[in-house]
Amino acid sequence: LQPAIRIVQSGYMTVASRVGASKSFSYRWGYGQVPAGSVRATETITYVQLHGRVVWLTDVLAPNVPKCSGPSCAPPPRVAPIELFVTKAAAFAGLITGPHDAVACFEQKPFTAVPYRAGGPWWSAVGDFRPKATRGNQTIVTVTYSWADGQHVAEIDSIDNAKRLFVASSFHVARGAQAGEVAFGFSQRDTALPFAPYAPFVTRCK
């Protein structure tokens, strides 16, 4: 069992933040549309596990600000990265504004306000599984299921046959019946870490 896994995922989260005399931030997951004032983000999820269960996890949301040069380009929005820190007992979120990607202080959040939970296994087998296929040194697993809102999801997972570990996944989400439930896709890459990193030190915002 690997002590820690790092997942880099893009296309799933959006973020918005304000840094200055007054700080604010928001994030949203699982939607194809980008809310006004937000930008798409790349997630770096790191989860530490023991006996098959997640002890704690962090989710760093780095904004994907489009690059543009020339006199006709508007300056890109200033969006600070956000870090989520989740244990079995509590969940926190804070802006990354300090040196070395540090969060000055965290706000406690309800579990309903974060996309992932600790305390249980990360992976679970749910859905309609297609026959497995082999592609080079990888096993390809395709599974379909529906989200809580009814949107249909087709997930394709790649497993390294030598390491017996997930290495990549892609998700294709179909359009839903309700307004705003647009079709979209996202992808992730998985890397096993040789050791578990230290958990963030939580200083609560005043």
Protein backbone atom coordinates (compact mmCIF):
# COMPACT_ATOMS: atom_id res chain seq x y z
CA LEU A 1 0.00 0.00 0.00
CA GLN A 2 1.40 3.39 -1.01
CA PRO A 3 1.88 5.91 1.84
CA ALA A 4 0.78 8.85 -0.30
CA ILE A 5 -0.55 9.58 -3.78
CA ARG A 6 -0.42 12.84 -5.73
CA ILE A 7 -3.05 13.58 -8.36
CA VAL A 8 -2.82 16.43 -10.86
CA GLN A 9 -6.25 17.13 -12.30
CA SER A 10 -7.45 19.79 -14.72
CA GLY A 11 -10.86 20.79 -16.04
CA TYR A 12 -12.88 20.02 -12.90
CA MET A 13 -12.47 23.02 -10.57
CA THR A 14 -12.88 26.78 -10.91
CA VAL A 15 -11.58 29.42 -8.47
CA ALA A 16 -11.95 33.11 -7.68
CA SER A 17 -10.04 35.14 -5.10
CA ARG A 18 -9.37 38.68 -4.00
CA VAL A 19 -6.15 39.71 -2.25
CA GLY A 20 -5.79 43.08 -0.57
CA ALA A 21 -7.13 44.90 2.46
CA SER A 22 -10.04 42.47 2.36
CA LYS A 23 -9.44 38.89 1.25
CA SER A 24 -12.04 36.57 -0.22
CA PHE A 25 -12.08 33.36 -2.19
CA SER A 26 -14.47 30.82 -3.65
CA TYR A 27 -14.22 27.57 -5.57
CA ARG A 28 -16.62 25.32 -7.41
CA TRP A 29 -16.31 21.77 -8.72
CA GLY A 30 -18.01 19.36 -11.06
CA TYR A 31 -19.49 21.79 -13.58
CA GLY A 32 -18.75 22.52 -17.20
CA GLN A 33 -19.53 26.23 -16.93
CA VAL A 34 -17.19 28.80 -15.39
CA PRO A 35 -19.03 31.22 -13.06
CA ALA A 36 -18.61 34.95 -13.66
CA GLY A 37 -15.45 36.22 -11.96
CA SER A 38 -13.88 32.76 -11.78
CA VAL A 39 -11.22 30.99 -13.83
CA ARG A 40 -10.49 27.33 -14.38
CA ALA A 41 -7.95 25.78 -12.03
CA THR A 42 -5.50 22.91 -11.99
CA GLU A 43 -5.72 20.80 -8.86
CA THR A 44 -2.82 19.11 -7.13
CA ILE A 45 -4.35 16.65 -4.69
CA THR A 46 -2.08 14.91 -2.20
CA TYR A 47 -3.59 12.29 0.06
CA VAL A 48 -1.89 10.30 2.82
CA GLN A 49 -3.30 6.90 3.66
CA LEU A 50 -2.94 4.24 6.33
CA HIS A 51 -4.43 0.74 6.21
CA GLY A 52 -6.31 1.65 3.03
CA ARG A 53 -7.96 4.79 4.40
CA VAL A 54 -7.20 8.46 3.78
CA VAL A 55 -5.73 10.09 6.89
CA TRP A 56 -5.65 13.62 5.46
CA LEU A 57 -5.47 15.36 2.10
CA THR A 58 -4.61 18.70 0.57
CA ASP A 59 -5.99 20.14 -2.64
CA VAL A 60 -4.09 23.09 -4.11
CA LEU A 61 -6.13 24.98 -6.72
CA ALA A 62 -3.87 26.94 -9.06
CA PRO A 63 -5.71 29.31 -11.46
CA ASN A 64 -5.24 28.79 -15.18
CA VAL A 65 -4.93 32.39 -16.33
CA PRO A 66 -4.71 32.69 -20.13
CA LYS A 67 -1.45 34.10 -21.46
CA CYS A 68 -1.63 36.99 -23.88
CA SER A 69 0.84 39.50 -25.24
CA GLY A 70 0.48 42.60 -27.37
CA PRO A 71 -1.16 46.02 -27.10
CA SER A 72 -4.69 44.63 -27.51
CA CYS A 73 -4.41 42.29 -24.50
CA ALA A 74 -6.01 43.11 -21.20
CA PRO A 75 -3.92 42.32 -18.12
CA PRO A 76 -4.77 38.87 -16.71
CA PRO A 77 -6.82 38.79 -13.52
CA ARG A 78 -4.92 38.42 -10.25
CA VAL A 79 -6.19 35.19 -8.75
CA ALA A 80 -4.30 33.75 -5.79
CA PRO A 81 -4.10 29.95 -5.44
CA ILE A 82 -6.25 28.28 -2.81
CA GLU A 83 -5.35 25.33 -0.57
CA LEU A 84 -7.92 22.98 0.94
CA PHE A 85 -6.87 20.79 3.88
CA VAL A 86 -9.19 17.99 4.94
CA THR A 87 -8.90 15.54 7.82
CA LYS A 88 -11.46 13.10 9.19
CA ALA A 89 -12.39 15.63 11.86
CA ALA A 90 -12.39 18.98 10.02
CA ALA A 91 -11.95 20.79 6.70
CA PHE A 92 -10.11 24.07 6.08
CA ALA A 93 -9.43 26.44 3.17
CA GLY A 94 -7.06 29.37 2.75
CA LEU A 95 -5.35 31.63 0.23
CA ILE A 96 -1.75 30.89 -0.73
CA THR A 97 -0.14 34.31 -0.38
CA GLY A 98 3.09 33.66 1.50
CA PRO A 99 6.54 32.49 0.40
CA HIS A 100 7.12 28.81 -0.41
CA ASP A 101 3.43 28.39 -1.30
CA ALA A 102 2.38 29.02 2.29
CA VAL A 103 -1.12 29.75 3.58
CA ALA A 104 -1.09 32.55 6.15
CA CYS A 105 -4.31 31.37 7.81
CA PHE A 106 -7.11 28.89 7.22
CA GLU A 107 -10.87 29.21 7.56
CA GLN A 108 -12.76 26.16 8.75
CA LYS A 109 -15.31 24.88 6.25
CA PRO A 110 -18.20 22.41 6.50
CA PHE A 111 -17.56 19.09 4.81
CA THR A 112 -20.29 19.95 2.30
CA ALA A 113 -18.09 22.83 1.07
CA VAL A 114 -15.11 20.69 0.05
CA PRO A 115 -15.02 18.19 -2.83
CA TYR A 116 -13.25 15.32 -1.02
CA ARG A 117 -13.43 13.61 2.36
CA ALA A 118 -10.87 11.87 4.58
CA GLY A 119 -11.40 8.82 6.77
CA GLY A 120 -12.38 6.32 4.09
CA PRO A 121 -10.77 4.67 1.06
CA TRP A 122 -9.98 6.94 -1.89
CA TRP A 123 -11.01 4.48 -4.58
CA SER A 124 -14.33 2.65 -4.80
CA ALA A 125 -15.84 0.46 -7.51
CA VAL A 126 -19.22 1.84 -8.59
CA GLY A 127 -20.93 1.77 -11.97
CA ASP A 128 -21.25 -0.32 -15.12
CA PHE A 129 -17.85 -1.77 -16.01
CA ARG A 130 -16.92 -2.66 -19.57
CA PRO A 131 -14.52 -5.54 -20.34
CA LYS A 132 -10.91 -4.63 -19.53
CA ALA A 133 -8.51 -3.99 -22.40
CA THR A 134 -4.71 -4.07 -22.66
CA ARG A 135 -2.75 -1.22 -24.25
CA GLY A 136 1.01 -1.71 -24.11
CA ASN A 137 1.99 -2.10 -20.45
CA GLN A 138 -1.33 -0.75 -19.18
CA THR A 139 -4.75 -2.15 -18.42
CA ILE A 140 -7.62 0.10 -19.52
CA VAL A 141 -10.79 0.08 -17.43
CA THR A 142 -13.94 1.85 -18.67
CA VAL A 143 -16.85 2.46 -16.30
CA THR A 144 -20.05 4.48 -16.68
CA TYR A 145 -22.22 5.94 -13.92
CA SER A 146 -24.36 8.97 -13.09
CA TRP A 147 -23.71 11.86 -10.73
CA ALA A 148 -26.26 12.85 -8.10
CA ASP A 149 -27.86 15.33 -10.52
CA GLY A 150 -28.29 12.60 -13.14
CA GLN A 151 -25.49 13.61 -15.50
CA HIS A 152 -23.98 10.58 -17.20
CA VAL A 153 -20.22 10.05 -16.74
CA ALA A 154 -17.87 7.82 -18.74
CA GLU A 155 -14.58 7.27 -16.90
CA ILE A 156 -11.52 5.63 -18.46
CA ASP A 157 -8.77 4.55 -16.03
CA SER A 158 -5.25 3.41 -16.94
CA ILE A 159 -3.44 0.98 -14.63
CA ASP A 160 0.30 0.32 -14.84
CA ASN A 161 0.59 -3.49 -15.06
CA ALA A 162 4.06 -3.62 -13.49
CA LYS A 163 3.34 -1.32 -10.54
CA ARG A 164 -0.36 -2.29 -10.26
CA LEU A 165 -1.22 1.36 -9.71
CA PHE A 166 -3.56 3.86 -11.37
CA VAL A 167 -1.56 6.29 -13.50
CA ALA A 168 -4.17 8.34 -15.40
CA SER A 169 -7.90 8.84 -15.84
CA SER A 170 -10.18 10.76 -18.17
CA PHE A 171 -13.78 11.72 -17.53
CA HIS A 172 -16.46 12.60 -20.09
CA VAL A 173 -19.59 14.16 -18.58
CA ALA A 174 -22.72 14.30 -20.74
CA ARG A 175 -25.13 17.19 -20.80
CA GLY A 176 -27.80 17.01 -18.11
CA ALA A 177 -31.48 17.81 -18.15
CA GLN A 178 -31.27 20.97 -16.04
CA ALA A 179 -30.08 24.41 -17.16
CA GLY A 180 -26.34 24.80 -16.71
CA GLU A 181 -25.61 21.06 -16.80
CA VAL A 182 -23.42 21.26 -19.88
CA ALA A 183 -21.21 18.53 -21.29
CA PHE A 184 -17.52 18.73 -20.44
CA GLY A 185 -14.45 16.60 -19.78
CA PHE A 186 -11.49 16.56 -17.41
CA SER A 187 -8.42 14.42 -16.83
CA GLN A 188 -5.96 13.48 -14.12
CA ARG A 189 -2.55 11.88 -13.63
CA ASP A 190 -1.60 9.85 -10.55
CA THR A 191 1.86 9.52 -8.99
CA ALA A 192 2.78 7.37 -5.98
CA LEU A 193 5.02 9.23 -3.52
CA PRO A 194 7.88 7.34 -1.80
CA PHE A 195 6.96 8.75 1.60
CA ALA A 196 4.15 10.68 3.25
CA PRO A 197 4.67 14.46 3.40
CA TYR A 198 4.04 16.51 6.53
CA ALA A 199 0.51 17.79 7.03
CA PRO A 200 0.02 21.59 6.83
CA PHE A 201 0.17 23.54 10.07
CA VAL A 202 -3.21 25.19 10.55
CA THR A 203 -3.33 28.77 11.82
CA ARG A 204 -6.93 29.92 12.07
CA CYS A 205 -7.88 33.27 10.54
CA LYS A 206 -8.96 35.88 13.07
